[in-house]
C-alpha atoms as a PDB file:
ATOM      1  CA  MET A   1      -9.785 -10.244  31.489  1.00  0.00           C
ATOM      2  CA  LEU A   2      -8.233  -9.044  34.873  1.00  0.00           C
ATOM      3  CA  SER A   3      -6.301  -5.808  35.879  1.00  0.00           C
ATOM      4  CA  LEU A   4      -4.851  -4.962  39.563  1.00  0.00           C
ATOM      5  CA  HIS A   5      -2.446  -1.746  40.826  1.00  0.00           C
ATOM      6  CA  ASP A   6      -0.713  -4.953  42.817  1.00  0.00           C
ATOM      7  CA  PRO A   7       2.968  -4.886  40.401  1.00  0.00           C
ATOM      8  CA  GLU A   8       3.467  -8.468  40.984  1.00  0.00           C
ATOM      9  CA  ALA A   9       0.053  -9.531  40.725  1.00  0.00           C
ATOM     10  CA  THR A  10      -0.067  -7.941  37.207  1.00  0.00           C
ATOM     11  CA  ALA A  11       2.913  -9.873  36.031  1.00  0.00           C
ATOM     12  CA  LEU A  12       1.164 -13.297  37.332  1.00  0.00           C
ATOM     13  CA  LEU A  13      -2.010 -12.762  35.426  1.00  0.00           C
ATOM     14  CA  ALA A  14       0.304 -11.274  32.228  1.00  0.00           C
ATOM     15  CA  SER A  15       2.006 -14.698  32.711  1.00  0.00           C
ATOM     16  CA  LEU A  16      -1.425 -16.567  32.458  1.00  0.00           C
ATOM     17  CA  LYS A  17      -3.472 -14.137  29.741  1.00  0.00           C
ATOM     18  CA  TRP A  18      -5.406 -13.442  31.865  1.00  0.00           C
ATOM     19  CA  ASP A  19      -4.669  -9.961  31.010  1.00  0.00           C
ATOM     20  CA  GLY A  20      -6.693  -9.308  27.481  1.00  0.00           C
ATOM     21  CA  ALA A  21      -3.159  -7.590  26.747  1.00  0.00           C
ATOM     22  CA  LEU A  22      -2.487  -7.677  23.153  1.00  0.00           C
ATOM     23  CA  LEU A  23       0.363 -10.412  22.628  1.00  0.00           C
ATOM     24  CA  SER A  24       3.903 -10.059  21.563  1.00  0.00           C
ATOM     25  CA  ALA A  25       4.051 -12.384  18.742  1.00  0.00           C
ATOM     26  CA  SER A  26       6.978 -12.644  15.529  1.00  0.00           C
ATOM     27  CA  GLY A  27       6.163 -12.513  12.684  1.00  0.00           C
ATOM     28  CA  ASP A  28       2.104 -11.679  11.405  1.00  0.00           C
ATOM     29  CA  TYR A  29      -0.191 -11.212  13.510  1.00  0.00           C
ATOM     30  CA  LEU A  30      -3.984  -9.630  13.339  1.00  0.00           C
ATOM     31  CA  GLN A  31      -6.658  -9.039  16.461  1.00  0.00           C
ATOM     32  CA  VAL A  32     -10.462  -7.565  15.261  1.00  0.00           C
ATOM     33  CA  VAL A  33     -11.515  -6.113  17.870  1.00  0.00           C
ATOM     34  CA  ASP A  34     -15.304  -4.966  17.873  1.00  0.00           C
ATOM     35  CA  ALA A  35     -16.732  -2.363  20.130  1.00  0.00           C
ATOM     36  CA  ASN A  36     -20.757  -2.420  20.089  1.00  0.00           C
ATOM     37  CA  VAL A  37     -21.429   1.527  20.496  1.00  0.00           C
ATOM     38  CA  GLY A  38     -25.308   1.497  20.105  1.00  0.00           C
ATOM     39  CA  PHE A  39     -26.155   2.057  23.805  1.00  0.00           C
ATOM     40  CA  ASN A  40     -28.054  -1.903  23.495  1.00  0.00           C
ATOM     41  CA  LYS A  41     -27.017  -5.775  23.955  1.00  0.00           C
ATOM     42  CA  VAL A  42     -26.788  -6.606  19.921  1.00  0.00           C
ATOM     43  CA  ASP A  43     -23.996  -8.886  20.033  1.00  0.00           C
ATOM     44  CA  PRO A  44     -25.454 -12.271  20.344  1.00  0.00           C
ATOM     45  CA  MET A  45     -27.844 -11.623  17.596  1.00  0.00           C
ATOM     46  CA  VAL A  46     -24.784 -10.772  15.941  1.00  0.00           C
ATOM     47  CA  GLN A  47     -22.617 -13.804  13.687  1.00  0.00           C
ATOM     48  CA  ARG A  48     -19.127 -13.043  12.676  1.00  0.00           C
ATOM     49  CA  LYS A  49     -16.505 -14.959  10.247  1.00  0.00           C
ATOM     50  CA  ILE A  50     -13.309 -13.695   9.144  1.00  0.00           C
ATOM     51  CA  ASP A  51     -11.103 -13.778   5.937  1.00  0.00           C
ATOM     52  CA  TYR A  52      -7.646 -13.839   6.219  1.00  0.00           C
ATOM     53  CA  ARG A  53      -5.025 -13.717   2.569  1.00  0.00           C
ATOM     54  CA  VAL A  54      -1.672 -13.265   2.450  1.00  0.00           C
ATOM     55  CA  ASP A  55       0.264 -12.883  -0.829  1.00  0.00           C
ATOM     56  CA  LEU A  56       4.001 -13.633  -0.258  1.00  0.00           C
ATOM     57  CA  HIS A  57       4.551 -13.810  -3.987  1.00  0.00           C
ATOM     58  CA  ASN A  58       7.149 -11.440  -3.066  1.00  0.00           C
ATOM     59  CA  PRO A  59       8.277 -12.414   0.352  1.00  0.00           C
ATOM     60  CA  ASN A  60       9.763  -9.104   1.685  1.00  0.00           C
ATOM     61  CA  GLU A  61       6.567  -6.977   0.038  1.00  0.00           C
ATOM     62  CA  GLY A  62       3.803  -9.332   2.005  1.00  0.00           C
ATOM     63  CA  GLN A  63       0.088  -7.739   1.452  1.00  0.00           C
ATOM     64  CA  VAL A  64      -3.103  -8.993   3.167  1.00  0.00           C
ATOM     65  CA  VAL A  65      -6.756  -8.473   2.366  1.00  0.00           C
ATOM     66  CA  VAL A  66      -9.148  -9.244   5.350  1.00  0.00           C
ATOM     67  CA  ALA A  67     -12.571  -9.347   5.033  1.00  0.00           C
ATOM     68  CA  VAL A  68     -15.112  -9.939   8.294  1.00  0.00           C
ATOM     69  CA  ARG A  69     -18.738 -10.522   7.687  1.00  0.00           C
ATOM     70  CA  TYR A  70     -21.753  -9.500  10.226  1.00  0.00           C
ATOM     71  CA  LEU A  71     -25.196 -11.036   9.542  1.00  0.00           C
ATOM     72  CA  ASN A  72     -27.658  -9.788  12.716  1.00  0.00           C
ATOM     73  CA  GLN A  73     -29.608 -12.482  13.518  1.00  0.00           C
ATOM     74  CA  SER A  74     -32.019  -9.225  14.683  1.00  0.00           C
ATOM     75  CA  PRO A  75     -35.608  -9.764  13.560  1.00  0.00           C
ATOM     76  CA  SER A  76     -35.825  -7.226  10.281  1.00  0.00           C
ATOM     77  CA  GLN A  77     -37.523  -3.879  11.278  1.00  0.00           C
ATOM     78  CA  LEU A  78     -39.110  -1.071   9.335  1.00  0.00           C
ATOM     79  CA  GLU A  79     -37.730   2.012  11.194  1.00  0.00           C
ATOM     80  CA  PRO A  80     -34.046   3.227  10.636  1.00  0.00           C
ATOM     81  CA  CYS A  81     -31.134   2.707  12.470  1.00  0.00           C
ATOM     82  CA  ILE A  82     -30.852   5.740  14.981  1.00  0.00           C
ATOM     83  CA  GLN A  83     -27.455   4.970  17.662  1.00  0.00           C
ATOM     84  CA  GLY A  84     -28.973   6.302  21.050  1.00  0.00           C
ATOM     85  CA  ALA A  85     -30.020   5.092  24.156  1.00  0.00           C
ATOM     86  CA  LYS A  86     -34.066   4.020  24.515  1.00  0.00           C
ATOM     87  CA  GLU A  87     -35.453   4.206  27.081  1.00  0.00           C
ATOM     88  CA  ARG A  88     -37.138   1.657  30.309  1.00  0.00           C
ATOM     89  CA  LEU A  89     -35.109  -1.107  27.768  1.00  0.00           C
ATOM     90  CA  THR A  90     -34.504  -4.098  29.368  1.00  0.00           C
ATOM     91  CA  TYR A  91     -31.798  -6.147  28.819  1.00  0.00           C
ATOM     92  CA  GLU A  92     -34.348  -8.443  26.261  1.00  0.00           C
ATOM     93  CA  GLU A  93     -35.685  -6.138  24.214  1.00  0.00           C
ATOM     94  CA  GLY A  94     -31.455  -4.650  24.116  1.00  0.00           C
ATOM     95  CA  MET A  95     -30.454  -6.932  22.272  1.00  0.00           C
ATOM     96  CA  VAL A  96     -32.176  -7.116  18.900  1.00  0.00           C
ATOM     97  CA  GLY A  97     -32.003  -3.598  16.827  1.00  0.00           C
ATOM     98  CA  CYS A  98     -29.190  -2.201  15.120  1.00  0.00           C
ATOM     99  CA  TYR A  99     -25.850  -2.762  15.277  1.00  0.00           C
ATOM    100  CA  TRP A 100     -23.255  -0.011  15.275  1.00  0.00           C
ATOM    101  CA  ASP A 101     -19.737  -1.114  15.545  1.00  0.00           C
ATOM    102  CA  TYR A 102     -16.523   0.329  16.533  1.00  0.00           C
ATOM    103  CA  VAL A 103     -14.581  -2.098  15.190  1.00  0.00           C
ATOM    104  CA  ARG A 104     -10.236  -2.427  15.295  1.00  0.00           C
ATOM    105  CA  PHE A 105      -7.558  -4.003  13.477  1.00  0.00           C
ATOM    106  CA  TYR A 106      -4.700  -5.022  15.361  1.00  0.00           C
ATOM    107  CA  VAL A 107      -1.448  -5.606  12.969  1.00  0.00           C
ATOM    108  CA  PRO A 108       2.281  -5.474  13.298  1.00  0.00           C
ATOM    109  CA  GLU A 109       3.491  -2.446  13.474  1.00  0.00           C
ATOM    110  CA  GLY A 110       4.572  -0.550  10.403  1.00  0.00           C
ATOM    111  CA  SER A 111       1.799  -1.871   8.035  1.00  0.00           C
ATOM    112  CA  GLN A 112       0.860   0.601   5.735  1.00  0.00           C
ATOM    113  CA  LEU A 113      -3.084   0.298   4.685  1.00  0.00           C
ATOM    114  CA  LEU A 114      -3.170   0.113   0.848  1.00  0.00           C
ATOM    115  CA  GLU A 115      -7.066   0.167   0.032  1.00  0.00           C
ATOM    116  CA  THR A 116     -10.802  -0.005   1.992  1.00  0.00           C
ATOM    117  CA  GLU A 117     -14.000   0.009   1.171  1.00  0.00           C
ATOM    118  CA  ARG A 118     -15.488   4.358   2.097  1.00  0.00           C
ATOM    119  CA  ALA A 119     -18.994   4.538   2.558  1.00  0.00           C
ATOM    120  CA  PRO A 120     -20.798   7.778   3.596  1.00  0.00           C
ATOM    121  CA  LEU A 121     -21.888   7.477   7.482  1.00  0.00           C
ATOM    122  CA  SER A 122     -25.347   6.349   8.458  1.00  0.00           C
ATOM    123  CA  SER A 123     -27.940   9.801   9.276  1.00  0.00           C
ATOM    124  CA  GLY A 124     -28.713   7.376  11.700  1.00  0.00           C
ATOM    125  CA  SER A 125     -25.149   8.576  13.850  1.00  0.00           C
ATOM    126  CA  LEU A 126     -24.367  10.637  16.547  1.00  0.00           C
ATOM    127  CA  LEU A 127     -21.578  12.322  14.073  1.00  0.00           C
ATOM    128  CA  ASP A 128     -23.899  12.944  11.517  1.00  0.00           C
ATOM    129  CA  ARG A 129     -26.724  13.935  13.750  1.00  0.00           C
ATOM    130  CA  HIS A 130     -24.791  16.734  15.807  1.00  0.00           C
ATOM    131  CA  GLY A 131     -21.715  17.085  12.736  1.00  0.00           C
ATOM    132  CA  PHE A 132     -18.551  15.465  14.429  1.00  0.00           C
ATOM    133  CA  ALA A 133     -17.859  14.002  10.864  1.00  0.00           C
ATOM    134  CA  PRO A 134     -15.967  16.171   8.700  1.00  0.00           C
ATOM    135  CA  LEU A 135     -14.765  13.886   6.404  1.00  0.00           C
ATOM    136  CA  GLY A 136     -17.898  12.599   5.465  1.00  0.00           C
ATOM    137  CA  ASP A 137     -17.783   8.797   5.299  1.00  0.00           C
ATOM    138  CA  ALA A 138     -16.984   5.836   7.585  1.00  0.00           C
ATOM    139  CA  GLY A 139     -13.667   5.544   6.598  1.00  0.00           C
ATOM    140  CA  PRO A 140     -10.787   4.471   8.401  1.00  0.00           C
ATOM    141  CA  ASP A 141      -8.729   5.804  10.709  1.00  0.00           C
ATOM    142  CA  SER A 142      -5.252   4.233  12.622  1.00  0.00           C
ATOM    143  CA  GLY A 143      -4.266   5.702  15.947  1.00  0.00           C
ATOM    144  CA  PRO A 144      -0.826   5.089  17.691  1.00  0.00           C
ATOM    145  CA  ALA A 145       1.444   2.314  17.821  1.00  0.00           C
ATOM    146  CA  GLU A 146       0.393  -0.179  20.529  1.00  0.00           C
ATOM    147  CA  LYS A 147       2.593  -2.887  22.366  1.00  0.00           C
ATOM    148  CA  GLY A 148       4.123  -2.938  18.931  1.00  0.00           C
ATOM    149  CA  LYS A 149       0.926  -3.438  17.105  1.00  0.00           C
ATOM    150  CA  THR A 150      -0.868  -0.796  14.695  1.00  0.00           C
ATOM    151  CA  ALA A 151      -4.690  -0.144  14.806  1.00  0.00           C
ATOM    152  CA  PHE A 152      -6.980   0.257  11.833  1.00  0.00           C
ATOM    153  CA  GLY A 153     -10.160   1.229  12.574  1.00  0.00           C
ATOM    154  CA  PHE A 154     -13.719   1.955  11.326  1.00  0.00           C
ATOM    155  CA  PHE A 155     -17.700   2.511  12.450  1.00  0.00           C
ATOM    156  CA  PHE A 156     -20.342   1.270  10.549  1.00  0.00           C
ATOM    157  CA  VAL A 157     -24.020  -0.284  10.963  1.00  0.00           C
ATOM    158  CA  VAL A 158     -25.719  -3.577  10.191  1.00  0.00           C
ATOM    159  CA  PRO A 159     -29.269  -3.009  10.102  1.00  0.00           C
ATOM    160  CA  PRO A 160     -31.094  -6.132  11.635  1.00  0.00           C
ATOM    161  CA  GLY A 161     -31.651  -8.593   9.454  1.00  0.00           C
ATOM    162  CA  GLU A 162     -28.885  -7.375   7.389  1.00  0.00           C
ATOM    163  CA  ALA A 163     -25.329  -8.736   6.967  1.00  0.00           C
ATOM    164  CA  ARG A 164     -22.209  -6.235   6.192  1.00  0.00           C
ATOM    165  CA  ASP A 165     -18.327  -6.774   4.957  1.00  0.00           C
ATOM    166  CA  VAL A 166     -15.548  -5.007   6.118  1.00  0.00           C
ATOM    167  CA  GLN A 167     -12.582  -5.483   3.983  1.00  0.00           C
ATOM    168  CA  LEU A 168      -8.838  -4.246   4.165  1.00  0.00           C
ATOM    169  CA  ARG A 169      -5.969  -4.480   2.395  1.00  0.00           C
ATOM    170  CA  TRP A 170      -2.567  -3.391   3.966  1.00  0.00           C
ATOM    171  CA  GLN A 171       1.217  -3.968   2.904  1.00  0.00           C
ATOM    172  CA  LEU A 172       3.162  -5.696   5.314  1.00  0.00           C
ATOM    173  CA  PRO A 173       6.629  -4.758   6.896  1.00  0.00           C
ATOM    174  CA  GLN A 174       9.849  -6.020   5.122  1.00  0.00           C
ATOM    175  CA  ARG A 175      10.572  -7.800   8.446  1.00  0.00           C
ATOM    176  CA  ILE A 176       8.036 -10.563   7.886  1.00  0.00           C
ATOM    177  CA  VAL A 177       9.164 -13.484   6.356  1.00  0.00           C
ATOM    178  CA  TYR A 178      12.499 -14.361   6.742  1.00  0.00           C
ATOM    179  CA  HIS A 179      15.752 -16.593   5.421  1.00  0.00           C
ATOM    180  CA  ASP A 180      17.852 -19.228   7.813  1.00  0.00           C
ATOM    181  CA  GLN A 181      18.685 -22.889   6.726  1.00  0.00           C
ATOM    182  CA  ASP A 182      15.568 -24.519   6.319  1.00  0.00           C
ATOM    183  CA  GLY A 183      13.987 -21.074   3.994  1.00  0.00           C
ATOM    184  CA  PHE A 184      11.793 -19.045   4.792  1.00  0.00           C
ATOM    185  CA  HIS A 185      10.092 -19.715   7.484  1.00  0.00           C
ATOM    186  CA  TYR A 186       6.112 -17.149   8.029  1.00  0.00           C
ATOM    187  CA  ARG A 187       4.395 -17.281  11.444  1.00  0.00           C
ATOM    188  CA  LEU A 188       1.104 -15.668  11.676  1.00  0.00           C
ATOM    189  CA  THR A 189      -0.862 -15.554  15.351  1.00  0.00           C
ATOM    190  CA  VAL A 190      -4.500 -14.436  15.036  1.00  0.00           C
ATOM    191  CA  GLN A 191      -5.334 -13.517  18.988  1.00  0.00           C
ATOM    192  CA  LYS A 192      -9.263 -13.803  20.301  1.00  0.00           C
ATOM    193  CA  GLN A 193     -11.070 -10.861  21.526  1.00  0.00           C
ATOM    194  CA  SER A 194     -11.719 -11.783  24.678  1.00  0.00           C
ATOM    195  CA  GLY A 195     -15.548 -12.761  25.852  1.00  0.00           C
ATOM    196  CA  THR A 196     -16.175 -13.453  21.792  1.00  0.00           C
ATOM    197  CA  PRO A 197     -17.365 -16.694  20.509  1.00  0.00           C
ATOM    198  CA  ALA A 198     -15.778 -18.618  18.454  1.00  0.00           C
ATOM    199  CA  ILE A 199     -15.160 -17.469  15.267  1.00  0.00           C
ATOM    200  CA  PRO A 200     -14.846 -19.145  11.966  1.00  0.00           C
ATOM    201  CA  LEU A 201     -11.247 -18.421  10.440  1.00  0.00           C
ATOM    202  CA  ARG A 202     -10.376 -18.412   7.315  1.00  0.00           C
ATOM    203  CA  VAL A 203      -6.502 -18.769   6.308  1.00  0.00           C
ATOM    204  CA  MET A 204      -4.903 -18.323   2.721  1.00  0.00           C
ATOM    205  CA  VAL A 205      -1.637 -18.171   1.564  1.00  0.00           C
ATOM    206  CA  ASP A 206      -0.243 -17.137  -1.197  1.00  0.00           C
ATOM    207  CA  LEU A 207       3.523 -18.466  -1.920  1.00  0.00           C
ATOM    208  CA  PRO A 208       5.905 -17.659  -4.740  1.00  0.00           C
ATOM    209  CA  PRO A 209       5.789 -18.991  -8.092  1.00  0.00           C
ATOM    210  CA  GLY A 210       7.676 -22.684  -7.671  1.00  0.00           C
ATOM    211  CA  ALA A 211       7.663 -22.345  -3.812  1.00  0.00           C
ATOM    212  CA  GLN A 212       8.220 -25.977  -2.464  1.00  0.00           C
ATOM    213  CA  VAL A 213       6.954 -26.254   1.307  1.00  0.00           C
ATOM    214  CA  VAL A 214       8.959 -27.992   4.059  1.00  0.00           C
ATOM    215  CA  GLU A 215       6.652 -27.327   7.022  1.00  0.00           C
ATOM    216  CA  ALA A 216       2.978 -26.245   7.830  1.00  0.00           C
ATOM    217  CA  VAL A 217       1.636 -26.468  11.435  1.00  0.00           C
ATOM    218  CA  PRO A 218      -1.104 -26.668  11.612  1.00  0.00           C
ATOM    219  CA  GLN A 219      -2.483 -29.392   9.096  1.00  0.00           C
ATOM    220  CA  PRO A 220      -3.558 -27.043   6.156  1.00  0.00           C
ATOM    221  CA  ALA A 221      -6.956 -27.755   4.755  1.00  0.00           C
ATOM    222  CA  GLY A 222      -5.514 -27.933   0.912  1.00  0.00           C
ATOM    223  CA  VAL A 223      -2.537 -26.978  -0.613  1.00  0.00           C
ATOM    224  CA  GLN A 224      -3.158 -25.888  -4.059  1.00  0.00           C
ATOM    225  CA  ASP A 225      -1.784 -24.095  -6.969  1.00  0.00           C
ATOM    226  CA  GLY A 226       0.743 -21.955  -4.688  1.00  0.00           C
ATOM    227  CA  ALA A 227      -1.490 -21.538  -2.054  1.00  0.00           C
ATOM    228  CA  ILE A 228      -2.034 -22.824   1.179  1.00  0.00           C
ATOM    229  CA  SER A 229      -5.649 -22.795   3.102  1.00  0.00           C
ATOM    230  CA  PHE A 230      -6.375 -23.524   7.011  1.00  0.00           C
ATOM    231  CA  ASP A 231      -9.944 -23.331   8.478  1.00  0.00           C
ATOM    232  CA  LEU A 232      -9.496 -22.636  11.973  1.00  0.00           C
ATOM    233  CA  SER A 233     -11.962 -21.446  14.508  1.00  0.00           C
ATOM    234  CA  LEU A 234     -11.517 -18.886  17.698  1.00  0.00           C
ATOM    235  CA  ALA A 235     -12.607 -20.546  20.192  1.00  0.00           C
ATOM    236  CA  THR A 236      -8.426 -19.851  21.019  1.00  0.00           C
ATOM    237  CA  ASP A 237      -5.418 -18.352  20.043  1.00  0.00           C
ATOM    238  CA  GLN A 238      -4.831 -19.921  16.808  1.00  0.00           C
ATOM    239  CA  GLN A 239      -1.133 -19.534  15.541  1.00  0.00           C
ATOM    240  CA  ILE A 240       0.150 -21.098  12.103  1.00  0.00           C
ATOM    241  CA  GLU A 241       3.552 -21.377  10.294  1.00  0.00           C
ATOM    242  CA  ILE A 242       5.051 -22.160   7.517  1.00  0.00           C
ATOM    243  CA  VAL A 243       8.596 -23.216   6.481  1.00  0.00           C
ATOM    244  CA  PHE A 244       9.072 -22.998   2.435  1.00  0.00           C
ATOM    245  CA  ARG A 245      12.058 -23.294  -0.315  1.00  0.00           C
ATOM    246  CA  TRP A 246      11.454 -20.929  -3.087  1.00  0.00           C
END
């Protein structure tokens, strides 16, 4: 990711998508952005996979359930997770330990959060230890819109040798699905976070009862009982488009 003060160079980087900016994408959108806030280098030990399911039974009131699994492959430890810096830690030593993550789900502006897990903050977190946790839990927060996107944030920890599933559900804005003479159009853009490995991505789209698929790109992994599934990889940005009649 490059950022320069020169306007012409900045425009060139943006045209090449080298600036890491949020994409301007029509239709549905997702970017999962992880920030390691654990004062370590555990990210290479964390495996992720993303499941994204869209309910279009009513195309004007689409809902999404997204689940991200985090598996911390660091060797298990008996010590509790304490968020903070350790003295004289080598890079290799910093690659194993607890994974403290602040994840943001960037979604279309106007999306409304409906449901998410809520869990007590870890007693080892800086928020808890220094009394900056008036909410009493690690539920999601949302900030101001950025480039036509809303962000839902979530803070959690994954101890070594353990896995954690983070799941959210939200209502999509009405403009996501549009209709023309060819039928109903649903398009999803999933943007890869810069610098991350190829994360497995599974997308499932539930169409209205009786809907007929006109076109689906890329080739679906399966179509059954009105549900279309795609098995993809976030080695690069991914885009799905479905045209159906109903």
